[in-house]
Amino acid sequence: MFRKGFKAAHFMSMNKVGTVVEINTIKNNQMTIGGTTEARVYLVLEYNKADGTVERVSYPSGDLMRIYD
């Protein structure tokens, strides 16, 4: 589980560490044979670049790994 302020990285680019700044939950109204599916959770990571700019990227929560410093 992630919280705002935690450090995380996408599993395909673990060398690029960002900070969780936003947690978005998207309701899923899709009906399947087994019933309704759960809501999707997306996390917004904020990366501070070397030139002083900030980049924000949204990822599904299952694609991220927490970084412990």
N, C-alpha and C. Protein backbone atom coordinates (compact mmCIF):
# COMPACT_ATOMS: atom_id res chain seq x y z
N MET A 1 0.84 -1.18 0.00
CA MET A 1 0.00 0.00 0.00
C MET A 1 0.88 1.24 0.00
N PHE A 2 0.50 2.22 -0.78
CA PHE A 2 1.27 3.45 -0.90
C PHE A 2 0.53 4.60 -0.22
N ARG A 3 1.29 5.57 0.23
CA ARG A 3 0.74 6.81 0.76
C ARG A 3 1.46 7.97 0.12
N LYS A 4 0.87 9.15 0.22
CA LYS A 4 1.51 10.34 -0.31
C LYS A 4 2.83 10.56 0.42
N GLY A 5 3.85 10.90 -0.36
CA GLY A 5 5.17 11.14 0.21
C GLY A 5 6.10 9.94 0.15
N PHE A 6 5.57 8.74 -0.11
CA PHE A 6 6.41 7.56 -0.23
C PHE A 6 7.23 7.64 -1.52
N LYS A 7 8.42 7.08 -1.49
CA LYS A 7 9.24 6.99 -2.69
C LYS A 7 8.93 5.67 -3.38
N ALA A 8 8.82 5.73 -4.70
CA ALA A 8 8.48 4.54 -5.47
C ALA A 8 9.14 4.63 -6.84
N ALA A 9 9.17 3.47 -7.53
CA ALA A 9 9.72 3.41 -8.88
C ALA A 9 8.92 2.39 -9.67
N HIS A 10 8.83 2.61 -10.98
CA HIS A 10 8.18 1.66 -11.88
C HIS A 10 9.09 0.44 -12.00
N PHE A 11 8.50 -0.75 -12.06
CA PHE A 11 9.30 -1.98 -12.04
C PHE A 11 10.22 -2.12 -13.25
N MET A 12 9.93 -1.42 -14.35
CA MET A 12 10.78 -1.50 -15.54
C MET A 12 11.91 -0.46 -15.53
N SER A 13 11.85 0.50 -14.62
CA SER A 13 12.91 1.52 -14.53
C SER A 13 13.15 1.85 -13.06
N MET A 14 13.76 0.90 -12.37
CA MET A 14 13.97 1.05 -10.93
C MET A 14 14.99 2.13 -10.58
N ASN A 15 15.81 2.54 -11.55
CA ASN A 15 16.80 3.59 -11.28
C ASN A 15 16.17 4.99 -11.25
N LYS A 16 14.95 5.11 -11.70
CA LYS A 16 14.25 6.39 -11.75
C LYS A 16 13.25 6.44 -10.58
N VAL A 17 13.65 7.08 -9.49
CA VAL A 17 12.85 7.10 -8.26
C VAL A 17 12.05 8.39 -8.20
N GLY A 18 10.77 8.28 -7.88
CA GLY A 18 9.90 9.44 -7.74
C GLY A 18 9.16 9.41 -6.42
N THR A 19 8.41 10.46 -6.17
CA THR A 19 7.63 10.59 -4.94
C THR A 19 6.15 10.55 -5.27
N VAL A 20 5.38 9.80 -4.50
CA VAL A 20 3.93 9.72 -4.71
C VAL A 20 3.30 11.04 -4.27
N VAL A 21 2.61 11.71 -5.20
CA VAL A 21 1.98 13.00 -4.88
C VAL A 21 0.46 12.94 -4.97
N GLU A 22 -0.06 11.90 -5.63
CA GLU A 22 -1.51 11.83 -5.82
C GLU A 22 -1.92 10.37 -5.95
N ILE A 23 -3.09 10.03 -5.41
CA ILE A 23 -3.64 8.69 -5.53
C ILE A 23 -5.05 8.82 -6.12
N ASN A 24 -5.25 8.24 -7.30
CA ASN A 24 -6.53 8.34 -7.99
C ASN A 24 -7.20 6.97 -8.06
N THR A 25 -8.47 6.91 -7.71
CA THR A 25 -9.25 5.68 -7.80
C THR A 25 -10.31 5.87 -8.88
N ILE A 26 -10.33 4.96 -9.82
CA ILE A 26 -11.29 5.03 -10.92
C ILE A 26 -12.28 3.89 -10.77
N LYS A 27 -13.54 4.23 -10.65
CA LYS A 27 -14.60 3.24 -10.47
C LYS A 27 -14.77 2.45 -11.76
N ASN A 28 -14.97 1.16 -11.62
CA ASN A 28 -15.12 0.28 -12.77
C ASN A 28 -16.55 -0.26 -12.78
N ASN A 29 -17.31 0.07 -13.80
CA ASN A 29 -18.69 -0.38 -13.90
C ASN A 29 -18.85 -1.60 -14.80
N GLN A 30 -17.76 -2.24 -15.14
CA GLN A 30 -17.81 -3.39 -16.02
C GLN A 30 -18.37 -4.60 -15.28
N MET A 31 -19.28 -5.31 -15.91
CA MET A 31 -19.88 -6.50 -15.32
C MET A 31 -19.27 -7.74 -15.97
N THR A 32 -18.87 -8.70 -15.15
CA THR A 32 -18.32 -9.95 -15.67
C THR A 32 -19.17 -11.11 -15.19
N ILE A 33 -18.82 -12.31 -15.59
CA ILE A 33 -19.58 -13.49 -15.18
C ILE A 33 -19.51 -13.67 -13.66
N GLY A 34 -18.35 -13.37 -13.08
CA GLY A 34 -18.15 -13.54 -11.65
C GLY A 34 -18.66 -12.38 -10.82
N GLY A 35 -19.21 -11.36 -11.44
CA GLY A 35 -19.69 -10.18 -10.73
C GLY A 35 -18.94 -8.93 -11.17
N THR A 36 -19.03 -7.89 -10.39
CA THR A 36 -18.36 -6.65 -10.75
C THR A 36 -16.88 -6.74 -10.39
N THR A 37 -16.07 -5.97 -11.07
CA THR A 37 -14.64 -5.94 -10.78
C THR A 37 -14.35 -4.76 -9.86
N GLU A 38 -13.19 -4.78 -9.22
CA GLU A 38 -12.86 -3.74 -8.26
C GLU A 38 -12.39 -2.47 -8.96
N ALA A 39 -12.32 -1.40 -8.20
CA ALA A 39 -11.87 -0.11 -8.72
C ALA A 39 -10.39 -0.16 -9.04
N ARG A 40 -9.97 0.63 -10.03
CA ARG A 40 -8.56 0.70 -10.40
C ARG A 40 -7.90 1.87 -9.68
N VAL A 41 -6.70 1.63 -9.19
CA VAL A 41 -5.96 2.66 -8.44
C VAL A 41 -4.75 3.07 -9.25
N TYR A 42 -4.61 4.36 -9.48
CA TYR A 42 -3.47 4.92 -10.19
C TYR A 42 -2.73 5.87 -9.26
N LEU A 43 -1.40 5.81 -9.30
CA LEU A 43 -0.56 6.69 -8.49
C LEU A 43 0.18 7.64 -9.41
N VAL A 44 0.27 8.89 -9.00
CA VAL A 44 1.03 9.89 -9.74
C VAL A 44 2.36 10.08 -9.05
N LEU A 45 3.44 9.81 -9.81
CA LEU A 45 4.79 10.00 -9.28
C LEU A 45 5.35 11.32 -9.81
N GLU A 46 6.06 12.00 -8.94
CA GLU A 46 6.69 13.26 -9.31
C GLU A 46 8.20 13.05 -9.33
N TYR A 47 8.81 13.33 -10.49
CA TYR A 47 10.25 13.20 -10.65
C TYR A 47 10.87 14.59 -10.73
N ASN A 48 11.91 14.83 -9.94
CA ASN A 48 12.66 16.08 -10.01
C ASN A 48 13.84 15.86 -10.94
N LYS A 49 13.86 16.59 -12.04
CA LYS A 49 14.92 16.43 -13.03
C LYS A 49 16.13 17.28 -12.65
N ALA A 50 17.25 16.98 -13.30
CA ALA A 50 18.51 17.67 -13.00
C ALA A 50 18.47 19.15 -13.37
N ASP A 51 17.66 19.50 -14.38
CA ASP A 51 17.60 20.91 -14.82
C ASP A 51 16.61 21.73 -13.99
N GLY A 52 16.04 21.15 -12.94
CA GLY A 52 15.15 21.89 -12.05
C GLY A 52 13.67 21.76 -12.37
N THR A 53 13.33 21.10 -13.47
CA THR A 53 11.92 20.92 -13.81
C THR A 53 11.35 19.71 -13.09
N VAL A 54 10.03 19.64 -13.07
CA VAL A 54 9.33 18.54 -12.41
C VAL A 54 8.49 17.81 -13.44
N GLU A 55 8.56 16.48 -13.42
CA GLU A 55 7.78 15.65 -14.33
C GLU A 55 6.83 14.80 -13.50
N ARG A 56 5.55 14.76 -13.89
CA ARG A 56 4.55 13.93 -13.21
C ARG A 56 4.05 12.87 -14.18
N VAL A 57 4.06 11.61 -13.70
CA VAL A 57 3.63 10.48 -14.52
C VAL A 57 2.68 9.62 -13.70
N SER A 58 1.59 9.15 -14.33
CA SER A 58 0.60 8.31 -13.66
C SER A 58 0.84 6.85 -14.03
N TYR A 59 0.85 5.96 -13.01
CA TYR A 59 1.05 4.53 -13.21
C TYR A 59 -0.01 3.75 -12.45
N PRO A 60 -0.38 2.55 -12.94
CA PRO A 60 -1.23 1.67 -12.13
C PRO A 60 -0.47 1.25 -10.87
N SER A 61 -1.16 1.12 -9.76
CA SER A 61 -0.49 0.85 -8.48
C SER A 61 0.26 -0.48 -8.49
N GLY A 62 -0.19 -1.44 -9.25
CA GLY A 62 0.47 -2.74 -9.30
C GLY A 62 1.80 -2.73 -10.02
N ASP A 63 2.09 -1.68 -10.79
CA ASP A 63 3.34 -1.58 -11.54
C ASP A 63 4.45 -0.91 -10.74
N LEU A 64 4.14 -0.42 -9.55
CA LEU A 64 5.13 0.32 -8.77
C LEU A 64 5.67 -0.51 -7.62
N MET A 65 6.92 -0.22 -7.27
CA MET A 65 7.55 -0.84 -6.11
C MET A 65 8.03 0.28 -5.19
N ARG A 66 7.85 0.08 -3.90
CA ARG A 66 8.28 1.08 -2.94
C ARG A 66 9.79 1.03 -2.79
N ILE A 67 10.40 2.21 -2.65
CA ILE A 67 11.84 2.33 -2.46
C ILE A 67 12.10 2.73 -1.01
N TYR A 68 12.93 1.94 -0.34
CA TYR A 68 13.29 2.22 1.05
C TYR A 68 14.70 2.80 1.07
N ASP A 69 14.83 4.00 1.56
CA ASP A 69 16.15 4.63 1.66
C ASP A 69 16.72 4.41 3.03
